[in-house]
Amino acid sequence: LSLLHWLHDFPWLRPYRNIHLNVISYDSLGVE
């Protein structure tokens, strides 16, 4: 899987608004 290291607290907070920009291009077959 892909691993996303989120610098913020649990992402219900405002920063998670941009999570789709960070996640949308992840490679589901690689570990990064």
PDB file of all heavy atoms in Angstrom:
ATOM      1  N   LEU A   1       0.836  -1.182   0.000  1.00  0.00           N
ATOM      2  CA  LEU A   1       0.000   0.000   0.000  1.00  0.00           C
ATOM      3  C   LEU A   1       0.877   1.240   0.000  1.00  0.00           C
ATOM      4  O   LEU A   1       2.098   1.169   0.074  1.00  0.00           O
ATOM      5  CB  LEU A   1      -0.947   0.018   1.201  1.00  0.00           C
ATOM      6  CG  LEU A   1      -0.392  -0.195   2.618  1.00  0.00           C
ATOM      7  CD1 LEU A   1       0.456   0.972   3.084  1.00  0.00           C
ATOM      8  CD2 LEU A   1      -1.531  -0.396   3.589  1.00  0.00           C
ATOM      9  N   SER A   2       0.235   2.394  -0.095  1.00  0.00           N
ATOM     10  CA  SER A   2       0.939   3.659   0.030  1.00  0.00           C
ATOM     11  C   SER A   2       0.711   4.210   1.430  1.00  0.00           C
ATOM     12  O   SER A   2      -0.351   4.030   2.024  1.00  0.00           O
ATOM     13  CB  SER A   2       0.430   4.664  -1.005  1.00  0.00           C
ATOM     14  OG  SER A   2       0.911   4.341  -2.284  1.00  0.00           O
ATOM     15  N   LEU A   3       1.717   4.863   1.963  1.00  0.00           N
ATOM     16  CA  LEU A   3       1.653   5.432   3.297  1.00  0.00           C
ATOM     17  C   LEU A   3       1.756   6.946   3.193  1.00  0.00           C
ATOM     18  O   LEU A   3       2.665   7.475   2.563  1.00  0.00           O
ATOM     19  CB  LEU A   3       2.799   4.895   4.158  1.00  0.00           C
ATOM     20  CG  LEU A   3       2.882   3.381   4.302  1.00  0.00           C
ATOM     21  CD1 LEU A   3       4.168   2.983   4.995  1.00  0.00           C
ATOM     22  CD2 LEU A   3       1.683   2.863   5.083  1.00  0.00           C
ATOM     23  N   LEU A   4       0.824   7.624   3.811  1.00  0.00           N
ATOM     24  CA  LEU A   4       0.863   9.074   3.841  1.00  0.00           C
ATOM     25  C   LEU A   4       1.141   9.520   5.265  1.00  0.00           C
ATOM     26  O   LEU A   4       0.397   9.204   6.186  1.00  0.00           O
ATOM     27  CB  LEU A   4      -0.458   9.664   3.341  1.00  0.00           C
ATOM     28  CG  LEU A   4      -0.472  11.186   3.190  1.00  0.00           C
ATOM     29  CD1 LEU A   4      -1.244  11.575   1.933  1.00  0.00           C
ATOM     30  CD2 LEU A   4      -1.067  11.869   4.405  1.00  0.00           C
ATOM     31  N   HIS A   5       2.242  10.224   5.445  1.00  0.00           N
ATOM     32  CA  HIS A   5       2.658  10.685   6.764  1.00  0.00           C
ATOM     33  C   HIS A   5       2.090  12.079   6.969  1.00  0.00           C
ATOM     34  O   HIS A   5       2.578  13.053   6.430  1.00  0.00           O
ATOM     35  CB  HIS A   5       4.186  10.702   6.823  1.00  0.00           C
ATOM     36  CG  HIS A   5       4.732  11.148   8.144  1.00  0.00           C
ATOM     37  ND1 HIS A   5       6.014  11.628   8.270  1.00  0.00           N
ATOM     38  CD2 HIS A   5       4.183  11.210   9.384  1.00  0.00           C
ATOM     39  CE1 HIS A   5       6.231  11.963   9.531  1.00  0.00           C
ATOM     40  NE2 HIS A   5       5.132  11.711  10.214  1.00  0.00           N
ATOM     41  N   TRP A   6       1.021  12.155   7.767  1.00  0.00           N
ATOM     42  CA  TRP A   6       0.280  13.404   7.961  1.00  0.00           C
ATOM     43  C   TRP A   6       0.840  14.158   9.162  1.00  0.00           C
ATOM     44  O   TRP A   6       0.859  13.648  10.278  1.00  0.00           O
ATOM     45  CB  TRP A   6      -1.197  13.067   8.179  1.00  0.00           C
ATOM     46  CG  TRP A   6      -2.114  14.239   8.163  1.00  0.00           C
ATOM     47  CD1 TRP A   6      -2.666  14.865   9.227  1.00  0.00           C
ATOM     48  CD2 TRP A   6      -2.612  14.904   7.007  1.00  0.00           C
ATOM     49  NE1 TRP A   6      -3.464  15.882   8.813  1.00  0.00           N
ATOM     50  CE2 TRP A   6      -3.449  15.930   7.454  1.00  0.00           C
ATOM     51  CE3 TRP A   6      -2.409  14.732   5.628  1.00  0.00           C
ATOM     52  CZ2 TRP A   6      -4.107  16.790   6.578  1.00  0.00           C
ATOM     53  CZ3 TRP A   6      -3.068  15.582   4.774  1.00  0.00           C
ATOM     54  CH2 TRP A   6      -3.894  16.587   5.237  1.00  0.00           C
ATOM     55  N   LEU A   7       1.295  15.381   8.936  1.00  0.00           N
ATOM     56  CA  LEU A   7       1.956  16.132  10.001  1.00  0.00           C
ATOM     57  C   LEU A   7       0.986  16.695  11.018  1.00  0.00           C
ATOM     58  O   LEU A   7       1.382  17.101  12.109  1.00  0.00           O
ATOM     59  CB  LEU A   7       2.772  17.275   9.384  1.00  0.00           C
ATOM     60  CG  LEU A   7       3.880  16.863   8.399  1.00  0.00           C
ATOM     61  CD1 LEU A   7       4.628  18.090   7.918  1.00  0.00           C
ATOM     62  CD2 LEU A   7       4.837  15.876   9.033  1.00  0.00           C
ATOM     63  N   HIS A   8      -0.307  16.714  10.686  1.00  0.00           N
ATOM     64  CA  HIS A   8      -1.302  17.326  11.561  1.00  0.00           C
ATOM     65  C   HIS A   8      -1.967  16.263  12.435  1.00  0.00           C
ATOM     66  O   HIS A   8      -1.739  15.073  12.290  1.00  0.00           O
ATOM     67  CB  HIS A   8      -2.358  18.050  10.717  1.00  0.00           C
ATOM     68  CG  HIS A   8      -1.758  19.031   9.759  1.00  0.00           C
ATOM     69  ND1 HIS A   8      -1.287  20.259  10.138  1.00  0.00           N
ATOM     70  CD2 HIS A   8      -1.537  18.936   8.424  1.00  0.00           C
ATOM     71  CE1 HIS A   8      -0.821  20.900   9.083  1.00  0.00           C
ATOM     72  NE2 HIS A   8      -0.957  20.114   8.033  1.00  0.00           N
ATOM     73  N   ASP A   9      -2.834  16.745  13.352  1.00  0.00           N
ATOM     74  CA  ASP A   9      -3.606  15.825  14.168  1.00  0.00           C
ATOM     75  C   ASP A   9      -4.674  15.163  13.309  1.00  0.00           C
ATOM     76  O   ASP A   9      -4.763  15.381  12.108  1.00  0.00           O
ATOM     77  CB  ASP A   9      -4.247  16.561  15.347  1.00  0.00           C
ATOM     78  CG  ASP A   9      -3.202  16.994  16.373  1.00  0.00           C
ATOM     79  OD1 ASP A   9      -2.165  16.298  16.468  1.00  0.00           O
ATOM     80  OD2 ASP A   9      -3.414  18.006  17.036  1.00  0.00           O
ATOM     81  N   PHE A  10      -5.524  14.385  13.959  1.00  0.00           N
ATOM     82  CA  PHE A  10      -6.545  13.618  13.248  1.00  0.00           C
ATOM     83  C   PHE A  10      -7.248  14.499  12.227  1.00  0.00           C
ATOM     84  O   PHE A  10      -7.782  15.558  12.577  1.00  0.00           O
ATOM     85  CB  PHE A  10      -7.545  13.058  14.262  1.00  0.00           C
ATOM     86  CG  PHE A  10      -8.374  11.945  13.717  1.00  0.00           C
ATOM     87  CD1 PHE A  10      -7.779  10.801  13.245  1.00  0.00           C
ATOM     88  CD2 PHE A  10      -9.744  12.058  13.682  1.00  0.00           C
ATOM     89  CE1 PHE A  10      -8.538   9.758  12.756  1.00  0.00           C
ATOM     90  CE2 PHE A  10     -10.514  11.024  13.188  1.00  0.00           C
ATOM     91  CZ  PHE A  10      -9.915   9.882  12.724  1.00  0.00           C
ATOM     92  N   PRO A  11      -7.263  14.100  10.954  1.00  0.00           N
ATOM     93  CA  PRO A  11      -7.587  15.034   9.874  1.00  0.00           C
ATOM     94  C   PRO A  11      -9.063  15.342   9.676  1.00  0.00           C
ATOM     95  O   PRO A  11      -9.525  15.460   8.554  1.00  0.00           O
ATOM     96  CB  PRO A  11      -7.010  14.331   8.641  1.00  0.00           C
ATOM     97  CG  PRO A  11      -7.116  12.891   8.961  1.00  0.00           C
ATOM     98  CD  PRO A  11      -6.850  12.802  10.438  1.00  0.00           C
ATOM     99  N   TRP A  12      -9.839  15.491  10.788  1.00  0.00           N
ATOM    100  CA  TRP A  12     -11.149  16.102  10.620  1.00  0.00           C
ATOM    101  C   TRP A  12     -10.983  17.622  10.606  1.00  0.00           C
ATOM    102  O   TRP A  12     -11.894  18.346  10.267  1.00  0.00           O
ATOM    103  CB  TRP A  12     -12.094  15.736  11.748  1.00  0.00           C
ATOM    104  CG  TRP A  12     -12.387  14.285  11.953  1.00  0.00           C
ATOM    105  CD1 TRP A  12     -12.614  13.691  13.151  1.00  0.00           C
ATOM    106  CD2 TRP A  12     -12.517  13.255  10.980  1.00  0.00           C
ATOM    107  NE1 TRP A  12     -12.861  12.355  12.967  1.00  0.00           N
ATOM    108  CE2 TRP A  12     -12.811  12.068  11.656  1.00  0.00           C
ATOM    109  CE3 TRP A  12     -12.403  13.229   9.590  1.00  0.00           C
ATOM    110  CZ2 TRP A  12     -12.998  10.864  10.996  1.00  0.00           C
ATOM    111  CZ3 TRP A  12     -12.580  12.030   8.944  1.00  0.00           C
ATOM    112  CH2 TRP A  12     -12.880  10.872   9.634  1.00  0.00           C
ATOM    113  N   LEU A  13      -9.808  18.100  11.031  1.00  0.00           N
ATOM    114  CA  LEU A  13      -9.584  19.523  11.151  1.00  0.00           C
ATOM    115  C   LEU A  13      -9.317  20.152   9.792  1.00  0.00           C
ATOM    116  O   LEU A  13      -9.179  19.477   8.782  1.00  0.00           O
ATOM    117  CB  LEU A  13      -8.429  19.777  12.131  1.00  0.00           C
ATOM    118  CG  LEU A  13      -8.614  19.091  13.491  1.00  0.00           C
ATOM    119  CD1 LEU A  13      -7.426  19.381  14.381  1.00  0.00           C
ATOM    120  CD2 LEU A  13      -9.895  19.570  14.163  1.00  0.00           C
ATOM    121  N   ARG A  14      -9.228  21.462   9.766  1.00  0.00           N
ATOM    122  CA  ARG A  14      -9.131  22.187   8.504  1.00  0.00           C
ATOM    123  C   ARG A  14      -8.062  21.685   7.542  1.00  0.00           C
ATOM    124  O   ARG A  14      -8.304  21.664   6.347  1.00  0.00           O
ATOM    125  CB  ARG A  14      -8.887  23.678   8.781  1.00  0.00           C
ATOM    126  CG  ARG A  14     -10.077  24.393   9.375  1.00  0.00           C
ATOM    127  CD  ARG A  14     -11.285  24.332   8.445  1.00  0.00           C
ATOM    128  NE  ARG A  14     -12.273  23.372   8.910  1.00  0.00           N
ATOM    129  CZ  ARG A  14     -13.298  22.982   8.193  1.00  0.00           C
ATOM    130  NH1 ARG A  14     -13.466  23.435   6.983  1.00  0.00           N
ATOM    131  NH2 ARG A  14     -14.154  22.123   8.683  1.00  0.00           N
ATOM    132  N   PRO A  15      -6.850  21.300   7.987  1.00  0.00           N
ATOM    133  CA  PRO A  15      -5.835  20.888   7.007  1.00  0.00           C
ATOM    134  C   PRO A  15      -6.279  19.746   6.118  1.00  0.00           C
ATOM    135  O   PRO A  15      -5.754  19.580   5.016  1.00  0.00           O
ATOM    136  CB  PRO A  15      -4.647  20.470   7.887  1.00  0.00           C
ATOM    137  CG  PRO A  15      -4.822  21.264   9.129  1.00  0.00           C
ATOM    138  CD  PRO A  15      -6.313  21.321   9.346  1.00  0.00           C
ATOM    139  N   TYR A  16      -7.236  18.937   6.552  1.00  0.00           N
ATOM    140  CA  TYR A  16      -7.591  17.770   5.747  1.00  0.00           C
ATOM    141  C   TYR A  16      -8.399  18.174   4.513  1.00  0.00           C
ATOM    142  O   TYR A  16      -8.650  17.359   3.644  1.00  0.00           O
ATOM    143  CB  TYR A  16      -8.347  16.739   6.584  1.00  0.00           C
ATOM    144  CG  TYR A  16      -9.849  16.827   6.536  1.00  0.00           C
ATOM    145  CD1 TYR A  16     -10.580  16.009   5.679  1.00  0.00           C
ATOM    146  CD2 TYR A  16     -10.537  17.724   7.344  1.00  0.00           C
ATOM    147  CE1 TYR A  16     -11.953  16.076   5.639  1.00  0.00           C
ATOM    148  CE2 TYR A  16     -11.905  17.798   7.296  1.00  0.00           C
ATOM    149  CZ  TYR A  16     -12.610  16.974   6.450  1.00  0.00           C
ATOM    150  OH  TYR A  16     -13.973  17.053   6.408  1.00  0.00           O
ATOM    151  N   ARG A  17      -8.741  19.481   4.396  1.00  0.00           N
ATOM    152  CA  ARG A  17      -9.407  19.926   3.169  1.00  0.00           C
ATOM    153  C   ARG A  17      -8.544  19.640   1.946  1.00  0.00           C
ATOM    154  O   ARG A  17      -9.041  19.390   0.863  1.00  0.00           O
ATOM    155  CB  ARG A  17      -9.690  21.424   3.238  1.00  0.00           C
ATOM    156  CG  ARG A  17     -10.937  21.780   4.018  1.00  0.00           C
ATOM    157  CD  ARG A  17     -11.305  23.212   3.799  1.00  0.00           C
ATOM    158  NE  ARG A  17     -12.609  23.508   4.370  1.00  0.00           N
ATOM    159  CZ  ARG A  17     -13.271  24.623   4.155  1.00  0.00           C
ATOM    160  NH1 ARG A  17     -12.748  25.552   3.372  1.00  0.00           N
ATOM    161  NH2 ARG A  17     -14.448  24.821   4.700  1.00  0.00           N
ATOM    162  N   ASN A  18      -7.226  19.689   2.136  1.00  0.00           N
ATOM    163  CA  ASN A  18      -6.313  19.489   1.019  1.00  0.00           C
ATOM    164  C   ASN A  18      -5.879  18.039   0.851  1.00  0.00           C
ATOM    165  O   ASN A  18      -5.038  17.737   0.019  1.00  0.00           O
ATOM    166  CB  ASN A  18      -5.063  20.355   1.209  1.00  0.00           C
ATOM    167  CG  ASN A  18      -5.405  21.832   1.173  1.00  0.00           C
ATOM    168  OD1 ASN A  18      -6.239  22.263   0.393  1.00  0.00           O
ATOM    169  ND2 ASN A  18      -4.772  22.603   2.034  1.00  0.00           N
ATOM    170  N   ILE A  19      -6.462  17.149   1.632  1.00  0.00           N
ATOM    171  CA  ILE A  19      -5.995  15.767   1.605  1.00  0.00           C
ATOM    172  C   ILE A  19      -6.209  15.145   0.228  1.00  0.00           C
ATOM    173  O   ILE A  19      -5.414  14.335  -0.235  1.00  0.00           O
ATOM    174  CB  ILE A  19      -6.691  14.931   2.698  1.00  0.00           C
ATOM    175  CG1 ILE A  19      -5.967  13.606   2.864  1.00  0.00           C
ATOM    176  CG2 ILE A  19      -8.147  14.696   2.382  1.00  0.00           C
ATOM    177  CD1 ILE A  19      -6.442  12.835   4.076  1.00  0.00           C
ATOM    178  N   HIS A  20      -7.292  15.557  -0.469  1.00  0.00           N
ATOM    179  CA  HIS A  20      -7.539  14.972  -1.786  1.00  0.00           C
ATOM    180  C   HIS A  20      -6.452  15.343  -2.770  1.00  0.00           C
ATOM    181  O   HIS A  20      -6.137  14.583  -3.676  1.00  0.00           O
ATOM    182  CB  HIS A  20      -8.905  15.397  -2.311  1.00  0.00           C
ATOM    183  CG  HIS A  20      -9.053  16.855  -2.560  1.00  0.00           C
ATOM    184  ND1 HIS A  20      -9.100  17.774  -1.550  1.00  0.00           N
ATOM    185  CD2 HIS A  20      -9.154  17.545  -3.727  1.00  0.00           C
ATOM    186  CE1 HIS A  20      -9.244  18.978  -2.065  1.00  0.00           C
ATOM    187  NE2 HIS A  20      -9.260  18.871  -3.382  1.00  0.00           N
ATOM    188  N   LEU A  21      -5.818  16.502  -2.590  1.00  0.00           N
ATOM    189  CA  LEU A  21      -4.734  16.909  -3.478  1.00  0.00           C
ATOM    190  C   LEU A  21      -3.488  16.062  -3.249  1.00  0.00           C
ATOM    191  O   LEU A  21      -2.701  15.830  -4.155  1.00  0.00           O
ATOM    192  CB  LEU A  21      -4.396  18.386  -3.249  1.00  0.00           C
ATOM    193  CG  LEU A  21      -5.520  19.374  -3.516  1.00  0.00           C
ATOM    194  CD1 LEU A  21      -5.058  20.784  -3.180  1.00  0.00           C
ATOM    195  CD2 LEU A  21      -5.972  19.308  -4.966  1.00  0.00           C
ATOM    196  N   ASN A  22      -3.307  15.604  -2.006  1.00  0.00           N
ATOM    197  CA  ASN A  22      -2.131  14.829  -1.654  1.00  0.00           C
ATOM    198  C   ASN A  22      -2.302  13.341  -1.939  1.00  0.00           C
ATOM    199  O   ASN A  22      -1.336  12.638  -2.219  1.00  0.00           O
ATOM    200  CB  ASN A  22      -1.819  15.001  -0.159  1.00  0.00           C
ATOM    201  CG  ASN A  22      -1.570  16.447   0.202  1.00  0.00           C
ATOM    202  OD1 ASN A  22      -1.038  17.211  -0.580  1.00  0.00           O
ATOM    203  ND2 ASN A  22      -1.966  16.824   1.411  1.00  0.00           N
ATOM    204  N   VAL A  23      -3.527  12.867  -1.863  1.00  0.00           N
ATOM    205  CA  VAL A  23      -3.787  11.432  -1.943  1.00  0.00           C
ATOM    206  C   VAL A  23      -4.148  10.983  -3.352  1.00  0.00           C
ATOM    207  O   VAL A  23      -3.895   9.852  -3.734  1.00  0.00           O
ATOM    208  CB  VAL A  23      -4.936  11.044  -0.975  1.00  0.00           C
ATOM    209  CG1 VAL A  23      -5.267   9.572  -1.104  1.00  0.00           C
ATOM    210  CG2 VAL A  23      -4.550  11.371   0.450  1.00  0.00           C
ATOM    211  N   ILE A  24      -4.703  11.873  -4.145  1.00  0.00           N
ATOM    212  CA  ILE A  24      -5.344  11.459  -5.385  1.00  0.00           C
ATOM    213  C   ILE A  24      -4.389  10.756  -6.341  1.00  0.00           C
ATOM    214  O   ILE A  24      -4.800   9.950  -7.169  1.00  0.00           O
ATOM    215  CB  ILE A  24      -6.004  12.676  -6.072  1.00  0.00           C
ATOM    216  CG1 ILE A  24      -7.014  12.197  -7.103  1.00  0.00           C
ATOM    217  CG2 ILE A  24      -4.947  13.583  -6.707  1.00  0.00           C
ATOM    218  CD1 ILE A  24      -7.942  13.297  -7.580  1.00  0.00           C
ATOM    219  N   SER A  25      -3.080  11.036  -6.244  1.00  0.00           N
ATOM    220  CA  SER A  25      -2.134  10.431  -7.184  1.00  0.00           C
ATOM    221  C   SER A  25      -1.323   9.298  -6.568  1.00  0.00           C
ATOM    222  O   SER A  25      -0.327   8.882  -7.126  1.00  0.00           O
ATOM    223  CB  SER A  25      -1.158  11.507  -7.701  1.00  0.00           C
ATOM    224  OG  SER A  25      -0.412  12.028  -6.625  1.00  0.00           O
ATOM    225  N   TYR A  26      -1.765   8.792  -5.411  1.00  0.00           N
ATOM    226  CA  TYR A  26      -0.966   7.760  -4.757  1.00  0.00           C
ATOM    227  C   TYR A  26      -0.934   6.491  -5.591  1.00  0.00           C
ATOM    228  O   TYR A  26      -1.854   6.194  -6.340  1.00  0.00           O
ATOM    229  CB  TYR A  26      -1.479   7.479  -3.350  1.00  0.00           C
ATOM    230  CG  TYR A  26      -2.647   6.514  -3.291  1.00  0.00           C
ATOM    231  CD1 TYR A  26      -2.439   5.151  -3.162  1.00  0.00           C
ATOM    232  CD2 TYR A  26      -3.956   6.989  -3.337  1.00  0.00           C
ATOM    233  CE1 TYR A  26      -3.500   4.276  -3.097  1.00  0.00           C
ATOM    234  CE2 TYR A  26      -5.026   6.110  -3.279  1.00  0.00           C
ATOM    235  CZ  TYR A  26      -4.790   4.774  -3.159  1.00  0.00           C
ATOM    236  OH  TYR A  26      -5.843   3.905  -3.089  1.00  0.00           O
ATOM    237  N   ASP A  27       0.167   5.744  -5.439  1.00  0.00           N
ATOM    238  CA  ASP A  27       0.340   4.495  -6.169  1.00  0.00           C
ATOM    239  C   ASP A  27      -0.055   3.357  -5.265  1.00  0.00           C
ATOM    240  O   ASP A  27       0.652   3.021  -4.326  1.00  0.00           O
ATOM    241  CB  ASP A  27       1.812   4.351  -6.616  1.00  0.00           C
ATOM    242  CG  ASP A  27       2.079   3.020  -7.293  1.00  0.00           C
ATOM    243  OD1 ASP A  27       1.115   2.299  -7.611  1.00  0.00           O
ATOM    244  OD2 ASP A  27       3.267   2.706  -7.506  1.00  0.00           O
ATOM    245  N   SER A  28      -1.176   2.719  -5.548  1.00  0.00           N
ATOM    246  CA  SER A  28      -1.687   1.678  -4.653  1.00  0.00           C
ATOM    247  C   SER A  28      -0.879   0.392  -4.712  1.00  0.00           C
ATOM    248  O   SER A  28      -1.098  -0.515  -3.922  1.00  0.00           O
ATOM    249  CB  SER A  28      -3.150   1.370  -4.995  1.00  0.00           C
ATOM    250  OG  SER A  28      -3.241   0.855  -6.296  1.00  0.00           O
ATOM    251  N   LEU A  29       0.064   0.299  -5.625  1.00  0.00           N
ATOM    252  CA  LEU A  29       0.882  -0.906  -5.724  1.00  0.00           C
ATOM    253  C   LEU A  29       2.276  -0.714  -5.145  1.00  0.00           C
ATOM    254  O   LEU A  29       3.033  -1.677  -5.027  1.00  0.00           O
ATOM    255  CB  LEU A  29       1.004  -1.341  -7.191  1.00  0.00           C
ATOM    256  CG  LEU A  29      -0.312  -1.737  -7.861  1.00  0.00           C
ATOM    257  CD1 LEU A  29      -0.045  -2.119  -9.306  1.00  0.00           C
ATOM    258  CD2 LEU A  29      -0.974  -2.873  -7.119  1.00  0.00           C
ATOM    259  N   GLY A  30       2.617   0.503  -4.752  1.00  0.00           N
ATOM    260  CA  GLY A  30       3.947   0.771  -4.215  1.00  0.00           C
ATOM    261  C   GLY A  30       3.866   1.192  -2.772  1.00  0.00           C
ATOM    262  O   GLY A  30       2.808   1.547  -2.269  1.00  0.00           O
ATOM    263  N   VAL A  31       4.992   1.142  -2.082  1.00  0.00           N
ATOM    264  CA  VAL A  31       5.054   1.571  -0.696  1.00  0.00           C
ATOM    265  C   VAL A  31       5.922   2.820  -0.647  1.00  0.00           C
ATOM    266  O   VAL A  31       7.124   2.742  -0.850  1.00  0.00           O
ATOM    267  CB  VAL A  31       5.635   0.463   0.207  1.00  0.00           C
ATOM    268  CG1 VAL A  31       5.722   0.953   1.640  1.00  0.00           C
ATOM    269  CG2 VAL A  31       4.778  -0.784   0.117  1.00  0.00           C
ATOM    270  N   GLU A  32       5.306   3.924  -0.418  1.00  0.00           N
ATOM    271  CA  GLU A  32       6.034   5.189  -0.450  1.00  0.00           C
ATOM    272  C   GLU A  32       5.637   6.043   0.744  1.00  0.00           C
ATOM    273  O   GLU A  32       4.471   6.101   1.119  1.00  0.00           O
ATOM    274  CB  GLU A  32       5.714   5.963  -1.749  1.00  0.00           C
ATOM    275  CG  GLU A  32       6.074   5.185  -3.009  1.00  0.00           C
ATOM    276  CD  GLU A  32       5.638   5.926  -4.258  1.00  0.00           C
ATOM    277  OE1 GLU A  32       5.002   6.988  -4.098  1.00  0.00           O
ATOM    278  OE2 GLU A  32       5.942   5.459  -5.361  1.00  0.00           O
TER     279      GLU A  32
END
